[in-house]
PDB file of N, CA and C in Angstrom:
ATOM      1  N   MET A   1       0.858  -1.176   0.000  1.00  0.00           N
ATOM      2  CA  MET A   1       0.000   0.000   0.000  1.00  0.00           C
ATOM      3  C   MET A   1       0.899   1.232   0.000  1.00  0.00           C
ATOM      4  N   THR A   2       0.592   2.168  -0.866  1.00  0.00           N
ATOM      5  CA  THR A   2       1.395   3.385  -0.934  1.00  0.00           C
ATOM      6  C   THR A   2       1.037   4.313   0.227  1.00  0.00           C
ATOM      7  N   LYS A   3       1.884   5.301   0.449  1.00  0.00           N
ATOM      8  CA  LYS A   3       1.627   6.268   1.509  1.00  0.00           C
ATOM      9  C   LYS A   3       0.314   7.004   1.249  1.00  0.00           C
ATOM     10  N   GLU A   4       0.066   7.357   0.003  1.00  0.00           N
ATOM     11  CA  GLU A   4      -1.165   8.059  -0.356  1.00  0.00           C
ATOM     12  C   GLU A   4      -2.391   7.192  -0.089  1.00  0.00           C
ATOM     13  N   GLU A   5      -2.322   5.928  -0.412  1.00  0.00           N
ATOM     14  CA  GLU A   5      -3.441   5.010  -0.165  1.00  0.00           C
ATOM     15  C   GLU A   5      -3.679   4.836   1.334  1.00  0.00           C
ATOM     16  N   ARG A   6      -2.588   4.716   2.094  1.00  0.00           N
ATOM     17  CA  ARG A   6      -2.703   4.562   3.540  1.00  0.00           C
ATOM     18  C   ARG A   6      -3.323   5.815   4.160  1.00  0.00           C
ATOM     19  N   LEU A   7      -2.889   6.984   3.698  1.00  0.00           N
ATOM     20  CA  LEU A   7      -3.426   8.245   4.193  1.00  0.00           C
ATOM     21  C   LEU A   7      -4.909   8.374   3.844  1.00  0.00           C
ATOM     22  N   GLU A   8      -5.287   7.993   2.632  1.00  0.00           N
ATOM     23  CA  GLU A   8      -6.697   8.035   2.242  1.00  0.00           C
ATOM     24  C   GLU A   8      -7.530   7.110   3.126  1.00  0.00           C
ATOM     25  N   GLU A   9      -7.008   5.947   3.433  1.00  0.00           N
ATOM     26  CA  GLU A   9      -7.711   5.011   4.314  1.00  0.00           C
ATOM     27  C   GLU A   9      -7.861   5.605   5.715  1.00  0.00           C
ATOM     28  N   GLN A  10      -6.822   6.276   6.207  1.00  0.00           N
ATOM     29  CA  GLN A  10      -6.897   6.921   7.520  1.00  0.00           C
ATOM     30  C   GLN A  10      -7.952   8.021   7.517  1.00  0.00           C
ATOM     31  N   TYR A  11      -7.990   8.825   6.464  1.00  0.00           N
ATOM     32  CA  TYR A  11      -9.000   9.875   6.351  1.00  0.00           C
ATOM     33  C   TYR A  11     -10.404   9.275   6.358  1.00  0.00           C
ATOM     34  N   LYS A  12     -10.592   8.190   5.623  1.00  0.00           N
ATOM     35  CA  LYS A  12     -11.909   7.547   5.562  1.00  0.00           C
ATOM     36  C   LYS A  12     -12.339   7.032   6.932  1.00  0.00           C
ATOM     37  N   LEU A  13     -11.415   6.426   7.683  1.00  0.00           N
ATOM     38  CA  LEU A  13     -11.748   5.920   9.010  1.00  0.00           C
ATOM     39  C   LEU A  13     -12.122   7.054   9.959  1.00  0.00           C
ATOM     40  N   ILE A  14     -11.402   8.151   9.882  1.00  0.00           N
ATOM     41  CA  ILE A  14     -11.703   9.302  10.727  1.00  0.00           C
ATOM     42  C   ILE A  14     -13.053   9.896  10.345  1.00  0.00           C
ATOM     43  N   ALA A  15     -13.315  10.044   9.057  1.00  0.00           N
ATOM     44  CA  ALA A  15     -14.598  10.580   8.607  1.00  0.00           C
ATOM     45  C   ALA A  15     -15.753   9.693   9.072  1.00  0.00           C
ATOM     46  N   GLU A  16     -15.570   8.390   9.004  1.00  0.00           N
ATOM     47  CA  GLU A  16     -16.608   7.458   9.446  1.00  0.00           C
ATOM     48  C   GLU A  16     -16.867   7.607  10.948  1.00  0.00           C
ATOM     49  N   ALA A  17     -15.808   7.723  11.736  1.00  0.00           N
ATOM     50  CA  ALA A  17     -15.972   7.890  13.182  1.00  0.00           C
ATOM     51  C   ALA A  17     -16.728   9.175  13.489  1.00  0.00           C
ATOM     52  N   ILE A  18     -16.440  10.235  12.759  1.00  0.00           N
ATOM     53  CA  ILE A  18     -17.125  11.511  12.972  1.00  0.00           C
ATOM     54  C   ILE A  18     -18.596  11.400  12.588  1.00  0.00           C
ATOM     55  N   GLU A  19     -18.865  10.748  11.463  1.00  0.00           N
ATOM     56  CA  GLU A  19     -20.253  10.593  11.013  1.00  0.00           C
ATOM     57  C   GLU A  19     -21.075   9.755  11.990  1.00  0.00           C
ATOM     58  N   VAL A  20     -20.485   8.716  12.547  1.00  0.00           N
ATOM     59  CA  VAL A  20     -21.212   7.808  13.426  1.00  0.00           C
ATOM     60  C   VAL A  20     -21.325   8.362  14.843  1.00  0.00           C
ATOM     61  N   GLU A  21     -20.239   8.895  15.375  1.00  0.00           N
ATOM     62  CA  GLU A  21     -20.202   9.296  16.785  1.00  0.00           C
ATOM     63  C   GLU A  21     -20.314  10.802  17.008  1.00  0.00           C
ATOM     64  N   GLY A  22     -20.146  11.586  15.981  1.00  0.00           N
ATOM     65  CA  GLY A  22     -20.058  13.035  16.140  1.00  0.00           C
ATOM     66  C   GLY A  22     -18.624  13.400  16.484  1.00  0.00           C
ATOM     67  N   LEU A  23     -18.204  14.570  16.110  1.00  0.00           N
ATOM     68  CA  LEU A  23     -16.808  14.968  16.284  1.00  0.00           C
ATOM     69  C   LEU A  23     -16.381  14.970  17.744  1.00  0.00           C
ATOM     70  N   GLY A  24     -17.203  15.498  18.619  1.00  0.00           N
ATOM     71  CA  GLY A  24     -16.829  15.582  20.034  1.00  0.00           C
ATOM     72  C   GLY A  24     -16.516  14.230  20.640  1.00  0.00           C
ATOM     73  N   TYR A  25     -17.405  13.286  20.474  1.00  0.00           N
ATOM     74  CA  TYR A  25     -17.198  11.960  21.062  1.00  0.00           C
ATOM     75  C   TYR A  25     -16.059  11.219  20.357  1.00  0.00           C
ATOM     76  N   ALA A  26     -15.964  11.390  19.054  1.00  0.00           N
ATOM     77  CA  ALA A  26     -14.924  10.683  18.305  1.00  0.00           C
ATOM     78  C   ALA A  26     -13.528  11.153  18.684  1.00  0.00           C
ATOM     79  N   ILE A  27     -13.396  12.434  19.010  1.00  0.00           N
ATOM     80  CA  ILE A  27     -12.073  12.975  19.307  1.00  0.00           C
ATOM     81  C   ILE A  27     -11.777  13.017  20.801  1.00  0.00           C
ATOM     82  N   TYR A  28     -12.798  12.826  21.626  1.00  0.00           N
ATOM     83  CA  TYR A  28     -12.610  12.850  23.069  1.00  0.00           C
ATOM     84  C   TYR A  28     -11.454  11.936  23.455  1.00  0.00           C
ATOM     85  N   PRO A  29     -10.611  12.334  24.410  1.00  0.00           N
ATOM     86  CA  PRO A  29      -9.481  11.484  24.805  1.00  0.00           C
ATOM     87  C   PRO A  29      -9.920  10.034  25.037  1.00  0.00           C
ATOM     88  N   GLY A  30      -9.293   9.138  24.331  1.00  0.00           N
ATOM     89  CA  GLY A  30      -9.655   7.735  24.405  1.00  0.00           C
ATOM     90  C   GLY A  30     -10.719   7.369  23.390  1.00  0.00           C
ATOM     91  N   GLY A  31     -11.127   8.342  22.556  1.00  0.00           N
ATOM     92  CA  GLY A  31     -12.141   8.101  21.544  1.00  0.00           C
ATOM     93  C   GLY A  31     -11.573   7.389  20.330  1.00  0.00           C
ATOM     94  N   TYR A  32     -12.282   7.485  19.235  1.00  0.00           N
ATOM     95  CA  TYR A  32     -11.929   6.761  18.027  1.00  0.00           C
ATOM     96  C   TYR A  32     -10.823   7.417  17.214  1.00  0.00           C
ATOM     97  N   ILE A  33     -10.609   8.705  17.418  1.00  0.00           N
ATOM     98  CA  ILE A  33      -9.621   9.440  16.626  1.00  0.00           C
ATOM     99  C   ILE A  33      -8.412   9.747  17.497  1.00  0.00           C
ATOM    100  N   SER A  34      -7.241   9.395  17.013  1.00  0.00           N
ATOM    101  CA  SER A  34      -6.015   9.701  17.745  1.00  0.00           C
ATOM    102  C   SER A  34      -5.001  10.296  16.773  1.00  0.00           C
ATOM    103  N   PRO A  35      -4.036  11.044  17.284  1.00  0.00           N
ATOM    104  CA  PRO A  35      -3.066  11.718  16.421  1.00  0.00           C
ATOM    105  C   PRO A  35      -1.946  10.794  15.963  1.00  0.00           C
ATOM    106  N   ASN A  36      -2.308   9.753  15.246  1.00  0.00           N
ATOM    107  CA  ASN A  36      -1.285   8.827  14.758  1.00  0.00           C
ATOM    108  C   ASN A  36      -1.481   8.523  13.277  1.00  0.00           C
ATOM    109  N   THR A  37      -1.792   9.581  12.505  1.00  0.00           N
ATOM    110  CA  THR A  37      -1.933   9.419  11.062  1.00  0.00           C
ATOM    111  C   THR A  37      -0.615   9.761  10.385  1.00  0.00           C
ATOM    112  N   ASP A  38      -0.580   9.631   9.091  1.00  0.00           N
ATOM    113  CA  ASP A  38       0.601  10.003   8.322  1.00  0.00           C
ATOM    114  C   ASP A  38       0.590  11.482   7.937  1.00  0.00           C
ATOM    115  N   ASP A  39      -0.417  12.212   8.384  1.00  0.00           N
ATOM    116  CA  ASP A  39      -0.565  13.629   8.083  1.00  0.00           C
ATOM    117  C   ASP A  39      -0.276  14.420   9.361  1.00  0.00           C
ATOM    118  N   GLU A  40       0.901  15.020   9.449  1.00  0.00           N
ATOM    119  CA  GLU A  40       1.305  15.710  10.673  1.00  0.00           C
ATOM    120  C   GLU A  40       0.421  16.914  10.973  1.00  0.00           C
ATOM    121  N   GLU A  41      -0.077  17.592   9.953  1.00  0.00           N
ATOM    122  CA  GLU A  41      -0.984  18.722  10.179  1.00  0.00           C
ATOM    123  C   GLU A  41      -2.281  18.233  10.833  1.00  0.00           C
ATOM    124  N   LEU A  42      -2.802  17.116  10.373  1.00  0.00           N
ATOM    125  CA  LEU A  42      -3.997  16.528  10.971  1.00  0.00           C
ATOM    126  C   LEU A  42      -3.710  16.064  12.395  1.00  0.00           C
ATOM    127  N   ASN A  43      -2.568  15.436  12.606  1.00  0.00           N
ATOM    128  CA  ASN A  43      -2.194  14.996  13.956  1.00  0.00           C
ATOM    129  C   ASN A  43      -2.177  16.167  14.929  1.00  0.00           C
ATOM    130  N   GLU A  44      -1.604  17.281  14.525  1.00  0.00           N
ATOM    131  CA  GLU A  44      -1.537  18.451  15.405  1.00  0.00           C
ATOM    132  C   GLU A  44      -2.931  18.998  15.664  1.00  0.00           C
ATOM    133  N   ALA A  45      -3.794  19.019  14.659  1.00  0.00           N
ATOM    134  CA  ALA A  45      -5.168  19.488  14.849  1.00  0.00           C
ATOM    135  C   ALA A  45      -5.903  18.596  15.843  1.00  0.00           C
ATOM    136  N   ILE A  46      -5.684  17.295  15.761  1.00  0.00           N
ATOM    137  CA  ILE A  46      -6.311  16.351  16.691  1.00  0.00           C
ATOM    138  C   ILE A  46      -5.802  16.600  18.107  1.00  0.00           C
ATOM    139  N   ARG A  47      -4.481  16.799  18.263  1.00  0.00           N
ATOM    140  CA  ARG A  47      -3.919  17.078  19.587  1.00  0.00           C
ATOM    141  C   ARG A  47      -4.499  18.372  20.171  1.00  0.00           C
ATOM    142  N   GLU A  48      -4.605  19.408  19.334  1.00  0.00           N
ATOM    143  CA  GLU A  48      -5.153  20.680  19.794  1.00  0.00           C
ATOM    144  C   GLU A  48      -6.617  20.532  20.193  1.00  0.00           C
ATOM    145  N   ALA A  49      -7.382  19.817  19.406  1.00  0.00           N
ATOM    146  CA  ALA A  49      -8.798  19.613  19.720  1.00  0.00           C
ATOM    147  C   ALA A  49      -8.947  18.844  21.031  1.00  0.00           C
ATOM    148  N   THR A  50      -8.115  17.845  21.220  1.00  0.00           N
ATOM    149  CA  THR A  50      -8.165  17.051  22.450  1.00  0.00           C
ATOM    150  C   THR A  50      -7.836  17.918  23.656  1.00  0.00           C
ATOM    151  N   ARG A  51      -6.785  18.739  23.531  1.00  0.00           N
ATOM    152  CA  ARG A  51      -6.430  19.645  24.630  1.00  0.00           C
ATOM    153  C   ARG A  51      -7.562  20.621  24.908  1.00  0.00           C
ATOM    154  N   GLY A  52      -8.191  21.134  23.855  1.00  0.00           N
ATOM    155  CA  GLY A  52      -9.300  22.055  24.025  1.00  0.00           C
ATOM    156  C   GLY A  52     -10.468  21.406  24.756  1.00  0.00           C
ATOM    157  N   MET A  53     -10.802  20.181  24.386  1.00  0.00           N
ATOM    158  CA  MET A  53     -11.901  19.478  25.049  1.00  0.00           C
ATOM    159  C   MET A  53     -11.561  19.202  26.509  1.00  0.00           C
ATOM    160  N   GLU A  54     -10.320  18.819  26.772  1.00  0.00           N
ATOM    161  CA  GLU A  54      -9.918  18.572  28.156  1.00  0.00           C
ATOM    162  C   GLU A  54     -10.050  19.847  28.985  1.00  0.00           C
ATOM    163  N   LYS A  55      -9.651  20.991  28.411  1.00  0.00           N
ATOM    164  CA  LYS A  55      -9.730  22.265  29.126  1.00  0.00           C
ATOM    165  C   LYS A  55     -11.181  22.645  29.391  1.00  0.00           C
ATOM    166  N   ILE A  56     -12.043  22.482  28.391  1.00  0.00           N
ATOM    167  CA  ILE A  56     -13.462  22.794  28.572  1.00  0.00           C
ATOM    168  C   ILE A  56     -14.038  21.954  29.704  1.00  0.00           C
ATOM    169  N   LEU A  57     -13.750  20.660  29.697  1.00  0.00           N
ATOM    170  CA  LEU A  57     -14.272  19.790  30.748  1.00  0.00           C
ATOM    171  C   LEU A  57     -13.722  20.160  32.113  1.00  0.00           C
ATOM    172  N   GLU A  58     -12.461  20.558  32.167  1.00  0.00           N
ATOM    173  CA  GLU A  58     -11.865  20.979  33.427  1.00  0.00           C
ATOM    174  C   GLU A  58     -12.592  22.198  34.000  1.00  0.00           C
ATOM    175  N   ILE A  59     -12.920  23.144  33.120  1.00  0.00           N
ATOM    176  CA  ILE A  59     -13.568  24.381  33.560  1.00  0.00           C
ATOM    177  C   ILE A  59     -14.998  24.120  34.024  1.00  0.00           C
ATOM    178  N   VAL A  60     -15.736  23.314  33.286  1.00  0.00           N
ATOM    179  CA  VAL A  60     -17.157  23.130  33.619  1.00  0.00           C
ATOM    180  C   VAL A  60     -17.416  21.942  34.540  1.00  0.00           C
ATOM    181  N   ASP A  61     -16.398  21.211  34.894  1.00  0.00           N
ATOM    182  CA  ASP A  61     -16.577  20.018  35.719  1.00  0.00           C
ATOM    183  C   ASP A  61     -17.413  20.260  36.980  1.00  0.00           C
ATOM    184  N   PRO A  62     -17.200  21.357  37.713  1.00  0.00           N
ATOM    185  CA  PRO A  62     -17.994  21.572  38.916  1.00  0.00           C
ATOM    186  C   PRO A  62     -19.497  21.738  38.634  1.00  0.00           C
ATOM    187  N   TYR A  63     -19.837  22.027  37.403  1.00  0.00           N
ATOM    188  CA  TYR A  63     -21.226  22.297  37.048  1.00  0.00           C
ATOM    189  C   TYR A  63     -21.916  21.127  36.346  1.00  0.00           C
ATOM    190  N   LEU A  64     -21.172  20.052  36.090  1.00  0.00           N
ATOM    191  CA  LEU A  64     -21.767  18.889  35.446  1.00  0.00           C
ATOM    192  C   LEU A  64     -22.717  18.188  36.409  1.00  0.00           C
ATOM    193  N   ILE A  65     -23.781  17.710  35.877  1.00  0.00           N
ATOM    194  CA  ILE A  65     -24.798  17.035  36.703  1.00  0.00           C
ATOM    195  C   ILE A  65     -24.423  15.591  36.913  1.00  0.00           C
TER     196      ILE A  65
END
C-alpha cells in the first residue's frame, strides 16, 4: 500500500468515526480518533482539539450534573 493510499484510508476511518459518533465523542481522549496518522498537520489538529476538550471539561466540571 502506498503512503497516499494509507493516508486516504486513515482519512476515511476518521470521517466514518465523525459521522457515526459526532466529532466531540470521536475525538474525546480515548475516543476513536487519535493523532497517529501520516498527516502531521492533521495529527496536530487532533492534539489541539483534544487539549481544548480537556480544558473545557476541566472548567465546567464543577457544574456537570
